Protein backbone atom coordinates (compact mmCIF):
# COMPACT_ATOMS: atom_id res chain seq x y z
CA MET A 1 -34.24 54.95 -72.50
CA PRO A 2 -30.57 55.09 -73.15
CA ALA A 3 -28.48 51.95 -72.73
CA PHE A 4 -26.69 53.27 -69.63
CA ALA A 5 -29.68 54.49 -67.61
CA GLY A 6 -30.08 52.76 -64.25
CA MET A 7 -26.55 51.11 -64.29
CA THR A 8 -24.94 51.25 -60.87
CA MET A 9 -22.03 53.87 -60.50
CA GLU A 10 -20.05 52.01 -57.84
CA LEU A 11 -16.91 51.72 -60.23
CA VAL A 12 -14.99 49.23 -57.75
CA MET A 13 -18.01 47.01 -58.17
CA LEU A 14 -18.70 47.68 -61.81
CA PRO A 15 -17.35 44.77 -64.04
CA ASP A 16 -15.40 45.77 -66.91
CA GLN A 17 -17.93 44.02 -69.16
CA LYS A 18 -20.42 46.56 -68.24
CA LEU A 19 -18.31 49.35 -69.51
CA ASN A 20 -17.57 47.58 -72.38
CA ALA A 21 -21.26 47.04 -73.32
CA LEU A 22 -21.47 51.05 -73.09
CA VAL A 23 -18.59 51.27 -75.57
CA ALA A 24 -20.01 48.59 -77.88
CA ARG A 25 -23.28 50.16 -77.86
CA HIS A 26 -21.87 53.50 -78.83
CA THR A 27 -19.93 51.95 -81.58
CA ALA A 28 -23.03 50.06 -82.90
CA LEU A 29 -25.09 53.27 -82.87
CA GLU A 30 -22.44 55.00 -84.98
CA ARG A 31 -22.57 52.30 -87.45
CA ASP A 32 -26.42 52.31 -87.58
CA LEU A 33 -26.50 56.11 -88.14
CA ALA A 34 -24.35 55.81 -91.07
CA ALA A 35 -26.88 53.76 -92.87
CA ALA A 36 -30.41 55.07 -94.43
CA LEU A 37 -32.92 55.02 -91.78
CA PRO A 38 -36.50 56.33 -91.44
CA ALA A 39 -36.74 59.91 -89.94
CA GLU A 40 -38.15 58.62 -86.54
CA THR A 41 -35.72 55.95 -86.07
CA TYR A 42 -32.79 58.23 -87.06
CA VAL A 43 -33.84 60.94 -84.54
CA LYS A 44 -34.36 58.35 -81.83
CA LEU A 45 -30.87 56.86 -82.47
CA SER A 46 -29.18 60.26 -82.64
CA ARG A 47 -30.61 61.07 -79.37
CA GLU A 48 -29.02 58.04 -77.86
CA PHE A 49 -25.99 58.28 -79.36
CA ALA A 50 -25.53 62.16 -78.16
CA GLU A 51 -26.45 60.97 -74.58
CA LEU A 52 -24.07 58.19 -74.73
CA ALA A 53 -20.98 59.88 -76.20
CA PRO A 54 -19.95 61.84 -72.95
CA VAL A 55 -20.21 58.62 -71.11
CA VAL A 56 -18.07 56.60 -73.30
CA GLU A 57 -15.59 59.45 -73.36
CA ALA A 58 -15.46 59.45 -69.56
CA VAL A 59 -14.95 55.70 -69.66
CA LYS A 60 -12.01 55.85 -71.91
CA SER A 61 -10.35 58.80 -70.17
CA TYR A 62 -10.97 56.48 -66.80
CA ARG A 63 -9.41 53.64 -68.28
CA ALA A 64 -6.49 55.40 -69.73
CA ALA A 65 -5.45 56.78 -66.23
CA ARG A 66 -6.21 53.58 -64.57
CA ASN A 67 -4.02 51.72 -66.89
CA GLU A 68 -1.23 54.46 -66.61
CA LEU A 69 -1.34 54.17 -62.87
CA ASP A 70 -1.26 50.16 -63.03
CA ASP A 71 1.80 50.51 -65.32
CA LEU A 72 3.54 52.85 -62.90
CA THR A 73 2.77 50.62 -59.97
CA SER A 74 4.12 47.81 -61.70
CA LEU A 75 7.34 49.62 -62.51
CA ILE A 76 7.88 50.41 -58.85
CA ALA A 77 7.10 47.04 -57.74
CA ASP A 78 9.60 45.55 -60.23
CA PRO A 79 13.20 44.68 -58.67
CA ALA A 80 14.86 45.21 -62.00
CA THR A 81 13.81 48.97 -62.09
CA ASP A 82 16.76 51.11 -61.23
CA THR A 83 16.70 53.46 -58.23
CA GLU A 84 16.54 56.62 -60.35
CA MET A 85 13.59 55.55 -62.36
CA ARG A 86 11.87 54.16 -59.23
CA SER A 87 12.11 57.51 -57.63
CA ILE A 88 10.78 59.32 -60.61
CA ALA A 89 7.98 57.06 -60.85
CA GLU A 90 7.13 57.39 -57.11
CA ALA A 91 7.24 61.12 -57.46
CA GLU A 92 4.58 60.82 -60.37
CA LYS A 93 2.36 58.51 -58.54
CA PRO A 94 0.38 60.80 -56.28
CA GLU A 95 -0.58 63.15 -59.20
CA LEU A 96 -1.53 60.30 -61.34
CA GLU A 97 -3.77 58.70 -58.47
CA ALA A 98 -5.46 62.24 -57.89
CA ARG A 99 -6.21 62.30 -61.84
CA ARG A 100 -7.65 58.72 -61.81
CA THR A 101 -9.74 59.70 -58.76
CA ALA A 102 -11.07 62.74 -60.45
CA LEU A 103 -11.87 60.86 -63.66
CA GLU A 104 -13.53 58.10 -61.60
CA GLN A 105 -15.75 60.85 -60.02
CA GLN A 106 -16.59 62.22 -63.56
CA LEU A 107 -17.59 58.66 -64.74
CA ARG A 108 -19.87 58.24 -61.81
CA LEU A 109 -21.70 61.55 -62.63
CA ALA A 110 -21.87 60.53 -66.21
CA LEU A 111 -23.53 57.31 -65.23
CA LEU A 112 -26.20 59.00 -63.08
CA PRO A 113 -29.53 58.20 -64.50
CA LYS A 114 -30.73 61.09 -66.47
CA ASP A 115 -33.97 63.06 -65.93
CA ALA A 116 -35.86 62.56 -69.19
CA MET A 117 -37.15 66.05 -68.83
CA ASP A 118 -33.83 68.00 -68.66
CA ASP A 119 -33.76 68.88 -72.25
CA ARG A 120 -37.32 70.07 -72.25
CA ASN A 121 -38.36 73.64 -72.82
CA VAL A 122 -39.84 75.38 -69.79
CA ILE A 123 -42.98 77.02 -68.68
CA LEU A 124 -41.96 79.64 -66.04
CA GLU A 125 -44.77 80.86 -63.81
CA ILE A 126 -44.27 83.76 -61.44
CA ARG A 127 -46.89 85.08 -59.07
CA ALA A 128 -46.57 87.89 -56.56
CA GLY A 129 -47.24 86.71 -53.03
CA THR A 130 -47.46 88.49 -49.60
CA GLY A 131 -46.55 92.26 -49.99
CA GLY A 132 -48.88 93.79 -52.27
CA ASP A 133 -47.43 96.28 -54.97
CA GLU A 134 -43.97 95.51 -53.49
CA ALA A 135 -44.59 91.83 -54.23
CA ALA A 136 -45.58 92.42 -57.99
CA LEU A 137 -42.51 94.71 -58.26
CA PHE A 138 -40.26 91.79 -56.95
CA ALA A 139 -42.07 89.34 -59.33
CA GLY A 140 -40.81 91.67 -62.09
CA ASN A 141 -37.55 91.61 -60.84
CA LEU A 142 -37.52 87.92 -60.71
CA PHE A 143 -38.83 87.49 -64.24
CA ARG A 144 -36.21 90.01 -65.55
CA MET A 145 -33.53 88.09 -63.71
CA TYR A 146 -34.62 84.63 -65.52
CA GLU A 147 -34.99 86.52 -68.82
CA ARG A 148 -31.37 87.97 -68.63
CA TYR A 149 -29.92 84.46 -67.32
CA ALA A 150 -31.73 82.87 -70.35
CA ALA A 151 -30.29 85.37 -72.95
CA LYS A 152 -26.79 84.45 -71.53
CA GLN A 153 -27.65 80.75 -72.21
CA ASN A 154 -28.92 81.60 -75.83
CA TRP A 155 -32.36 80.55 -74.91
CA LYS A 156 -35.51 82.47 -76.15
CA VAL A 157 -38.06 83.92 -73.70
CA GLU A 158 -41.67 84.58 -74.74
CA ILE A 159 -44.16 85.96 -72.22
CA VAL A 160 -47.44 83.76 -72.87
CA ALA A 161 -49.61 85.65 -70.31
CA ALA A 162 -49.16 88.54 -67.94
CA SER A 163 -51.15 90.57 -65.24
CA GLU A 164 -49.17 93.77 -64.55
CA GLY A 165 -49.13 95.17 -61.02
CA VAL A 166 -50.51 98.73 -60.36
CA MET A 167 -47.03 100.05 -59.45
CA GLY A 168 -45.17 97.90 -62.05
CA GLY A 169 -43.95 94.41 -62.15
CA PHE A 170 -46.35 91.58 -62.43
CA LYS A 171 -49.40 90.14 -60.37
CA GLU A 172 -48.68 87.03 -62.44
CA VAL A 173 -46.53 86.24 -65.51
CA ILE A 174 -46.28 83.01 -67.53
CA ALA A 175 -43.45 82.54 -69.97
CA GLU A 176 -42.13 79.94 -72.29
CA ILE A 177 -38.32 79.46 -72.23
CA ARG A 178 -37.02 77.54 -75.12
CA GLY A 179 -33.47 76.18 -75.39
CA ARG A 180 -31.60 73.04 -74.80
CA GLY A 181 -31.16 72.06 -71.21
CA ALA A 182 -33.55 74.87 -69.99
CA PHE A 183 -35.43 72.50 -67.33
CA ALA A 184 -32.03 70.85 -66.27
CA LYS A 185 -30.81 74.31 -65.22
CA LEU A 186 -33.96 76.07 -63.95
CA LYS A 187 -35.79 73.05 -62.31
CA PHE A 188 -34.41 73.98 -58.82
CA GLU A 189 -35.77 77.40 -58.94
CA SER A 190 -39.48 76.38 -57.83
CA GLY A 191 -40.51 77.67 -54.61
CA VAL A 192 -41.02 80.95 -52.57
CA HIS A 193 -38.55 83.71 -53.16
CA ARG A 194 -38.37 86.31 -50.40
CA VAL A 195 -37.12 89.87 -50.78
CA GLN A 196 -36.30 92.37 -48.03
CA ARG A 197 -35.73 95.90 -49.00
CA VAL A 198 -37.05 99.46 -48.36
CA PRO A 199 -39.80 100.18 -50.93
CA ASP A 200 -39.39 103.62 -52.69
CA THR A 201 -42.70 104.61 -51.15
CA GLU A 202 -41.55 103.94 -47.39
CA ALA A 203 -40.84 107.39 -46.11
CA SER A 204 -39.61 105.97 -42.70
CA GLY A 205 -36.89 103.75 -44.37
CA ARG A 206 -38.42 100.58 -42.87
CA ILE A 207 -37.37 97.27 -44.56
CA HIS A 208 -40.23 95.54 -45.81
CA THR A 209 -40.69 91.67 -46.57
CA SER A 210 -42.44 90.44 -49.61
CA THR A 211 -42.63 87.24 -51.45
CA ALA A 212 -43.19 85.87 -55.02
CA THR A 213 -43.89 82.21 -56.04
CA VAL A 214 -41.83 80.53 -58.80
CA ALA A 215 -42.93 77.51 -60.79
CA VAL A 216 -40.64 75.72 -63.38
CA LEU A 217 -42.58 73.28 -65.32
CA PRO A 218 -41.18 71.15 -68.24
CA GLU A 219 -43.22 71.79 -71.31
CA ALA A 220 -45.46 69.10 -72.10
CA GLU A 221 -45.60 67.65 -75.54
CA THR A 222 -48.84 66.54 -77.12
CA LEU A 223 -48.03 62.83 -76.55
CA ASP A 224 -47.44 63.30 -72.92
CA VAL A 225 -50.71 63.92 -71.80
CA ALA A 226 -54.22 62.86 -73.19
CA ILE A 227 -56.76 65.45 -72.65
CA ASN A 228 -60.38 64.49 -73.22
CA GLU A 229 -62.34 67.48 -74.87
CA GLY A 230 -65.39 66.40 -72.80
CA ASP A 231 -63.42 67.30 -69.64
CA LEU A 232 -62.99 70.85 -70.71
CA LYS A 233 -65.15 73.75 -70.20
CA ILE A 234 -64.10 76.48 -72.68
CA ASP A 235 -65.43 80.31 -72.26
CA THR A 236 -64.67 83.09 -74.76
CA LEU A 237 -64.62 86.50 -73.49
CA ARG A 238 -63.69 90.02 -74.26
CA SER A 239 -60.06 90.97 -73.29
CA SER A 240 -59.44 93.42 -70.56
CA GLY A 241 -56.85 95.98 -70.22
CA ALA A 242 -55.03 97.77 -73.02
CA GLY A 243 -56.16 97.07 -76.59
CA GLY A 244 -58.32 100.05 -77.59
CA GLN A 245 -61.39 99.53 -79.66
CA HIS A 246 -60.50 95.90 -80.38
CA VAL A 247 -61.38 94.96 -76.75
CA ASN A 248 -64.82 96.09 -77.03
CA LYS A 249 -65.40 94.30 -80.46
CA THR A 250 -64.23 90.87 -80.17
CA GLU A 251 -64.28 87.95 -77.74
CA SER A 252 -60.60 86.90 -78.29
CA ALA A 253 -59.87 85.91 -74.75
CA VAL A 254 -60.15 82.06 -73.86
CA ARG A 255 -60.44 80.65 -70.31
CA ILE A 256 -60.21 76.66 -70.31
CA THR A 257 -61.31 74.73 -67.04
CA HIS A 258 -60.17 71.10 -66.92
CA LEU A 259 -63.22 69.63 -64.77
CA PRO A 260 -61.53 66.52 -63.34
CA SER A 261 -58.57 68.50 -61.81
CA GLY A 262 -60.05 72.16 -61.41
CA ILE A 263 -57.14 73.86 -63.14
CA VAL A 264 -58.22 76.93 -64.94
CA VAL A 265 -56.01 78.81 -67.68
CA ALA A 266 -56.92 82.03 -69.09
CA MET A 267 -55.25 83.55 -72.02
CA GLN A 268 -55.94 87.00 -73.63
CA GLU A 269 -52.39 88.43 -74.76
CA ASP A 270 -53.12 87.51 -78.35
CA ARG A 271 -55.73 89.27 -80.68
CA SER A 272 -56.73 85.85 -82.28
CA GLN A 273 -58.97 83.75 -80.07
CA HIS A 274 -57.46 80.55 -81.99
CA ARG A 275 -53.98 81.37 -80.87
CA ASN A 276 -55.04 82.18 -77.19
CA ARG A 277 -56.72 78.90 -77.29
CA ALA A 278 -53.56 77.22 -78.48
CA LYS A 279 -51.48 78.73 -75.95
CA ALA A 280 -53.97 78.19 -73.20
CA MET A 281 -53.95 74.43 -73.98
CA ALA A 282 -50.24 74.28 -74.05
CA VAL A 283 -50.21 75.67 -70.42
CA LEU A 284 -52.97 73.25 -69.31
CA ARG A 285 -51.11 70.41 -70.79
CA THR A 286 -47.91 71.36 -68.97
CA ARG A 287 -49.69 71.77 -65.77
CA LEU A 288 -51.51 68.54 -65.93
CA TYR A 289 -48.12 66.88 -66.83
CA ASP A 290 -46.59 68.31 -63.69
CA LEU A 291 -49.28 66.83 -61.67
CA GLN A 292 -48.71 63.44 -63.35
CA ARG A 293 -45.04 63.83 -62.86
CA GLN A 294 -45.39 64.66 -59.16
CA LYS A 295 -47.31 61.56 -58.48
CA GLN A 296 -44.76 59.26 -60.44
CA ASP A 297 -41.77 60.87 -58.99
CA ALA A 298 -42.75 60.92 -55.34
CA ALA A 299 -39.93 58.70 -54.47
CA ARG A 300 -37.24 60.82 -56.19
CA ALA A 301 -38.66 64.01 -54.68
CA ALA A 302 -38.38 62.62 -51.12
CA GLU A 303 -34.95 61.79 -51.97
CA ARG A 304 -34.24 65.34 -52.80
CA ARG A 305 -36.00 67.07 -50.02
CA GLY A 306 -33.15 67.00 -47.58
CA GLN A 307 -30.71 68.56 -50.29
CA VAL A 308 -32.28 71.15 -52.81
CA GLY A 309 -35.94 70.86 -51.60
CA THR A 310 -38.97 69.42 -53.35
CA GLY A 311 -39.76 72.16 -55.77
CA ASP A 312 -42.98 72.66 -53.90
CA ARG A 313 -44.18 76.12 -54.35
CA SER A 314 -45.03 76.55 -50.62
CA GLU A 315 -41.47 76.09 -49.68
CA ARG A 316 -39.26 79.20 -49.11
CA ILE A 317 -36.03 78.64 -50.92
CA ARG A 318 -34.35 81.78 -51.30
CA THR A 319 -34.00 85.39 -49.79
CA TYR A 320 -32.79 88.44 -51.57
CA ASN A 321 -31.75 91.00 -48.96
CA TYR A 322 -31.04 94.41 -50.59
CA PRO A 323 -29.67 96.40 -47.47
CA GLN A 324 -26.83 93.73 -47.02
CA GLY A 325 -26.49 93.04 -50.90
CA ARG A 326 -26.76 89.23 -50.25
CA VAL A 327 -28.64 86.41 -51.82
CA SER A 328 -29.20 83.32 -49.48
CA ASP A 329 -30.24 79.91 -50.72
CA HIS A 330 -31.71 78.27 -47.69
CA ARG A 331 -31.57 74.69 -48.93
CA ILE A 332 -27.84 74.45 -49.39
CA ASN A 333 -26.83 77.32 -46.87
CA LEU A 334 -25.44 79.24 -49.74
CA THR A 335 -25.00 83.07 -49.37
CA LEU A 336 -23.51 85.21 -52.02
CA TYR A 337 -22.96 88.94 -51.60
CA LYS A 338 -23.63 89.57 -55.27
CA LEU A 339 -27.24 90.78 -55.19
CA PRO A 340 -27.03 93.18 -58.27
CA GLN A 341 -24.97 90.66 -60.30
CA ILE A 342 -27.60 87.86 -59.58
CA LEU A 343 -30.48 89.87 -60.52
CA GLU A 344 -28.79 90.80 -63.81
CA GLY A 345 -28.53 87.31 -64.51
CA GLU A 346 -24.88 87.19 -64.33
CA ALA A 347 -24.19 85.48 -61.28
CA LEU A 348 -27.35 83.26 -61.10
CA GLY A 349 -25.56 80.72 -62.62
CA GLU A 350 -23.26 80.27 -59.44
CA ILE A 351 -26.51 79.38 -57.58
CA ILE A 352 -27.86 77.21 -60.11
CA ASP A 353 -24.50 75.27 -60.54
CA ALA A 354 -24.29 74.78 -56.49
CA LEU A 355 -27.78 73.56 -56.68
CA VAL A 356 -27.20 71.05 -59.47
CA THR A 357 -23.70 69.88 -57.81
CA GLU A 358 -25.61 69.17 -54.42
CA HIS A 359 -28.44 67.39 -56.24
CA GLN A 360 -25.62 65.11 -58.02
CA ALA A 361 -23.99 64.42 -54.65
CA ALA A 362 -27.34 63.37 -53.25
CA LEU A 363 -27.87 60.81 -56.21
CA LEU A 364 -24.29 59.64 -55.82
CA ALA A 365 -24.98 59.10 -51.97
CA ALA A 366 -28.27 57.21 -52.65
CA GLU A 367 -26.59 54.94 -55.13
CA GLU A 368 -23.81 54.03 -52.78
CA VAL A 369 -26.19 53.00 -50.02
């Protein structure tokens, strides 16, 4: 855990020695990284150094502004200061006070405890909800929205499993999104997404409401979850759907059931049974880790509930209204009349950034209680 994790953010109550400890730790890490280290130690220290760097930069900027303001205040209070110099100093003071306050807020945010999962890759699961074929089409719209947003972040997206809808879209699609900070950006997307629009097949022009469920899970690493082979029931099946004669000849599809939890993962996207099993195990491990995190983070989820929701997949979080061209996020009462741009992934960042800001505000408020 980084040296700064868990430190209070109330700067007026935070002794300088605490900030000094952060700067000293950063300096020590820089020195240690210059020496010959075992690979595992080097990676661990590099990660801590990278996490600590923006915090130390915020400390230095805040201190510089604070010292400059102290000097200016002393200049104004000094009887020896001539009238013209005092007037110039008094005119500069409000701007410097505002800068110091802004830097103080930046430091508070930098000192917030970090979610250890924020830099993880993501397993994205989207399932059509109520609405039949229209729901599957909407699930496809959502997947393409996240795919385009990911491309703008220079993340890589790979479909792990998919079940296509009769009219297009997806009944279900599971994808891996790989890239730094993927979970930090996407973690508030979990929940029920609702669409209101006139389907192409609707002759009367009546607006239909359909839903799709989104789950964003941090990808679990092998060491995160211990899976007992004896707890698994593994079935091999013949793949269904497209695939020509190959489908009828080999049992490449894999279905894994985790008996204690009842979680079932089926995979048939690859021609190789071995690769399908590996993908199914990765998804199973991530779902088990998600259950584990939900139990461990119950207090944090309760803290977040009133701000950006729990991430519970039964919670309606957002509405996409086609006739009005608007998207409304119900957790933070945000409405943007940019539906096409959001679905193209271009303006989705505006919603995500607002959710992150709201979450940070909630954490700050909790720290100050």
